[in-house]
Every structure is written in C-alpha cells, then in structure tokens.
C-alpha cells in the first residue's frame, strides 16, 4: 500500500472510531477534516505524481512539471484549487440565497488561479472568481449584495491571502 493510500485508510478509521466513541453524527460535527494526498516519484522536471482525495472521487490523478507549467494535458494543483474554490463559492452562494428566501435555478461559477514566477519559485498571486446566476424573483442589487457576502464567507475564499477579483452576473430567469 502506498503512503497516500495508508493516510486515506487511517483517516477513514479515525472517523469511524470518533463516531463510535462519541456517538456523534459525523456529518453534523462543527469540525471537519478533509484531505487530499499526493504521491511523487522522480526529479522535479521529469518526475510524475498523482493526486488523490479522501472521497476517492479524484483517485491517482496524474500530474507533472509539464502539466503544471507546460502544455502537456493533465491536471495541476492550481486547477484543483480553482475547482475547489468554485465549488465552495457556489454552495456558499446557494446557502445565502436560500437564507434570503431565494432558490437558484442555476449557478455557473469559475475560479481562475493566477500563478507567476517569483524569484526562484512560483507564487499564486491572485484569483478571479466569477458567477453567472439564474435566480427567479431577485433584483440585481439584492443578488450582488448576497453574492459579495457569499464570497466573503466562503471557506476557501477565507483561506486565500491573495486578492480575489470578483464578477457576478444575474441572467434573466
């Protein structure tokens, strides 16, 4: 068993033990630990790695120097951060809309993660989060206020210490 697979199995066992020991319903606990893992072999330029998430929905997703910084097809950590941010924000916005008495017909969200060369390495220097929403019965001013609040409250947005540019568009529904 590879090291990242051992970590996944260990976390699953800890969740089960926690639930048995405390009688807690894991899905309703206020503290959640979620994880991803990576396995890498070789040097930085010619090596290869895989990324796996706790759920197994992303399992041994291949990545390399050339999928990250070049034109080779494949994934990279920044793409996964963008997907996580887009997904988190969509849920935060849906929750905020629901709390305000609205139900989104659709929320299409995109998070572009910008990586720039910085001295000897690379740095994530910004994120551009955008959403196009179809929400019956809401006016644009109310939508924009709720969307800005969702952006500020989204756990992934709060994690980032870089500026997050933001666009929100309400389409007729």
Protein backbone atom coordinates (compact mmCIF):
# COMPACT_ATOMS: atom_id res chain seq x y z
CA UNK A 1 0.00 0.00 0.00
CA UNK A 2 1.40 3.43 -1.00
CA UNK A 3 1.87 6.11 1.69
CA UNK A 4 -1.05 8.25 0.44
CA UNK A 5 -3.36 5.22 0.46
CA UNK A 6 -2.32 4.47 4.04
CA UNK A 7 -3.20 8.05 5.05
CA UNK A 8 -6.65 7.73 3.45
CA UNK A 9 -7.36 4.45 5.21
CA UNK A 10 -6.10 5.81 8.54
CA UNK A 11 -8.39 8.87 8.27
CA UNK A 12 -11.40 6.67 7.48
CA UNK A 13 -10.65 4.55 10.56
CA UNK A 14 -10.31 7.67 12.73
CA UNK A 15 -13.71 8.93 11.56
CA UNK A 16 -15.30 5.59 12.41
CA UNK A 17 -13.60 5.45 15.82
CA UNK A 18 -14.64 9.04 16.57
CA UNK A 19 -18.27 8.29 15.70
CA UNK A 20 -18.30 5.10 17.78
CA UNK A 21 -16.56 6.69 20.77
CA UNK A 22 -18.65 9.85 20.94
CA UNK A 23 -21.94 8.74 19.43
CA UNK A 24 -21.61 11.83 17.23
CA UNK A 25 -23.16 12.04 13.81
CA UNK A 26 -20.05 12.87 11.81
CA UNK A 27 -21.95 14.84 9.17
CA UNK A 28 -23.22 17.29 11.80
CA UNK A 29 -19.99 17.93 13.72
CA UNK A 30 -18.80 21.51 13.65
CA UNK A 31 -15.22 20.49 12.89
CA UNK A 32 -14.44 18.56 9.73
CA UNK A 33 -11.10 17.34 8.50
CA UNK A 34 -10.93 16.74 4.77
CA UNK A 35 -7.79 15.88 2.91
CA UNK A 36 -6.07 15.22 -0.32
CA UNK A 37 -2.81 13.42 -0.76
CA UNK A 38 -0.08 13.25 -3.36
CA UNK A 39 2.50 10.69 -4.39
CA UNK A 40 5.56 11.83 -6.38
CA UNK A 41 8.43 9.90 -7.97
CA UNK A 42 11.49 11.26 -9.75
CA UNK A 43 13.08 14.66 -10.13
CA UNK A 44 11.08 17.87 -10.49
CA UNK A 45 11.34 18.18 -14.26
CA UNK A 46 10.89 14.58 -15.40
CA UNK A 47 9.12 13.07 -12.42
CA UNK A 48 5.45 12.24 -12.18
CA UNK A 49 2.92 12.36 -9.43
CA UNK A 50 -0.66 11.52 -8.58
CA UNK A 51 -3.22 13.37 -6.51
CA UNK A 52 -5.95 11.55 -4.58
CA UNK A 53 -8.79 12.93 -2.47
CA UNK A 54 -10.28 11.42 0.64
CA UNK A 55 -13.56 10.56 -1.09
CA UNK A 56 -11.76 8.69 -3.85
CA UNK A 57 -13.64 10.66 -6.50
CA UNK A 58 -10.26 12.00 -7.51
CA UNK A 59 -8.07 8.94 -7.47
CA UNK A 60 -4.48 8.88 -8.62
CA UNK A 61 -5.00 11.90 -10.90
CA UNK A 62 -1.69 12.25 -12.77
CA UNK A 63 0.31 15.48 -12.75
CA UNK A 64 3.82 16.56 -13.63
CA UNK A 65 6.03 19.57 -14.18
CA UNK A 66 4.75 19.78 -17.75
CA UNK A 67 1.04 19.55 -16.84
CA UNK A 68 1.60 22.29 -14.31
CA UNK A 69 3.94 24.67 -16.12
CA UNK A 70 3.84 23.48 -19.72
CA UNK A 71 1.40 22.41 -22.39
CA UNK A 72 1.10 18.72 -21.54
CA UNK A 73 -2.51 17.65 -20.98
CA UNK A 74 -3.27 16.77 -17.39
CA UNK A 75 -4.06 18.35 -14.07
CA UNK A 76 -2.19 20.50 -11.59
CA UNK A 77 -2.63 21.75 -8.02
CA UNK A 78 -3.78 25.24 -9.11
CA UNK A 79 -6.54 23.77 -11.26
CA UNK A 80 -7.74 21.76 -8.26
CA UNK A 81 -7.64 24.89 -6.06
CA UNK A 82 -9.73 26.68 -8.69
CA UNK A 83 -12.25 23.86 -8.79
CA UNK A 84 -12.44 23.71 -5.00
CA UNK A 85 -12.93 27.47 -4.81
CA UNK A 86 -15.65 27.49 -7.50
CA UNK A 87 -17.48 24.62 -5.82
CA UNK A 88 -17.23 26.12 -2.35
CA UNK A 89 -18.45 29.52 -3.51
CA UNK A 90 -21.38 28.01 -5.44
CA UNK A 91 -22.52 26.25 -2.27
CA UNK A 92 -21.98 29.37 -0.13
CA UNK A 93 -24.00 31.46 -2.59
CA UNK A 94 -26.76 28.86 -2.75
CA UNK A 95 -26.93 28.83 1.04
CA UNK A 96 -27.01 32.64 1.26
CA UNK A 97 -29.72 32.83 -1.40
CA UNK A 98 -31.75 30.17 0.43
CA UNK A 99 -31.39 32.08 3.72
CA UNK A 100 -32.72 35.20 1.93
CA UNK A 101 -35.71 33.29 0.56
CA UNK A 102 -34.49 32.62 -2.99
CA UNK A 103 -33.65 29.42 -4.84
CA UNK A 104 -31.12 29.48 -7.64
CA UNK A 105 -32.21 27.82 -10.85
CA UNK A 106 -28.53 27.68 -11.80
CA UNK A 107 -25.16 28.95 -10.61
CA UNK A 108 -22.22 28.64 -13.01
CA UNK A 109 -19.03 29.53 -11.19
CA UNK A 110 -15.41 29.76 -12.34
CA UNK A 111 -12.27 30.45 -10.31
CA UNK A 112 -9.14 31.34 -12.26
CA UNK A 113 -5.98 30.90 -10.19
CA UNK A 114 -3.03 33.04 -11.37
CA UNK A 115 0.49 31.70 -10.86
CA UNK A 116 3.51 33.90 -11.54
CA UNK A 117 7.26 33.37 -11.47
CA UNK A 118 8.57 34.96 -8.29
CA UNK A 119 12.33 34.90 -7.85
CA UNK A 120 13.45 31.28 -7.70
CA UNK A 121 9.94 29.87 -7.43
CA UNK A 122 6.32 30.43 -8.26
CA UNK A 123 3.57 32.18 -6.30
CA UNK A 124 -0.20 32.22 -6.55
CA UNK A 125 -0.71 35.96 -6.94
CA UNK A 126 -4.44 36.20 -7.40
CA UNK A 127 -7.76 34.58 -8.07
CA UNK A 128 -10.62 35.73 -10.28
CA UNK A 129 -13.93 34.33 -9.13
CA UNK A 130 -16.94 34.76 -11.41
CA UNK A 131 -20.51 33.55 -11.31
CA UNK A 132 -23.41 33.65 -13.72
CA UNK A 133 -26.66 33.00 -11.92
CA UNK A 134 -30.28 32.43 -12.77
CA UNK A 135 -32.33 33.24 -9.67
CA UNK A 136 -36.06 33.83 -10.11
CA UNK A 137 -37.58 36.78 -8.24
CA UNK A 138 -34.40 38.57 -7.14
CA UNK A 139 -33.28 42.01 -8.31
CA UNK A 140 -29.70 42.73 -9.30
CA UNK A 141 -28.83 44.88 -6.26
CA UNK A 142 -30.03 42.21 -3.82
CA UNK A 143 -28.24 39.49 -5.79
CA UNK A 144 -24.94 41.39 -5.84
CA UNK A 145 -25.13 42.06 -2.09
CA UNK A 146 -25.81 38.39 -1.35
CA UNK A 147 -23.07 37.26 -3.78
CA UNK A 148 -20.48 39.57 -2.18
CA UNK A 149 -21.40 38.22 1.24
CA UNK A 150 -21.08 34.65 -0.02
CA UNK A 151 -17.65 35.44 -1.47
CA UNK A 152 -16.51 36.88 1.88
CA UNK A 153 -17.93 33.92 3.82
CA UNK A 154 -16.84 31.09 1.52
CA UNK A 155 -14.32 28.96 3.49
CA UNK A 156 -11.98 28.62 0.50
CA UNK A 157 -12.10 32.39 -0.14
CA UNK A 158 -11.26 32.96 3.51
CA UNK A 159 -8.30 30.60 3.22
CA UNK A 160 -6.65 32.61 0.48
CA UNK A 161 -4.36 35.50 1.36
CA UNK A 162 -4.18 36.83 -2.20
CA UNK A 163 -6.53 39.38 -3.71
CA UNK A 164 -9.65 37.75 -5.12
CA UNK A 165 -11.16 39.66 -8.05
CA UNK A 166 -14.86 39.00 -8.42
CA UNK A 167 -17.58 39.25 -11.05
CA UNK A 168 -21.20 38.33 -10.61
CA UNK A 169 -23.82 38.31 -13.35
CA UNK A 170 -27.52 37.69 -12.94
CA UNK A 171 -29.20 36.38 -16.08
CA UNK A 172 -32.89 36.56 -16.77
CA UNK A 173 -34.80 33.63 -15.37
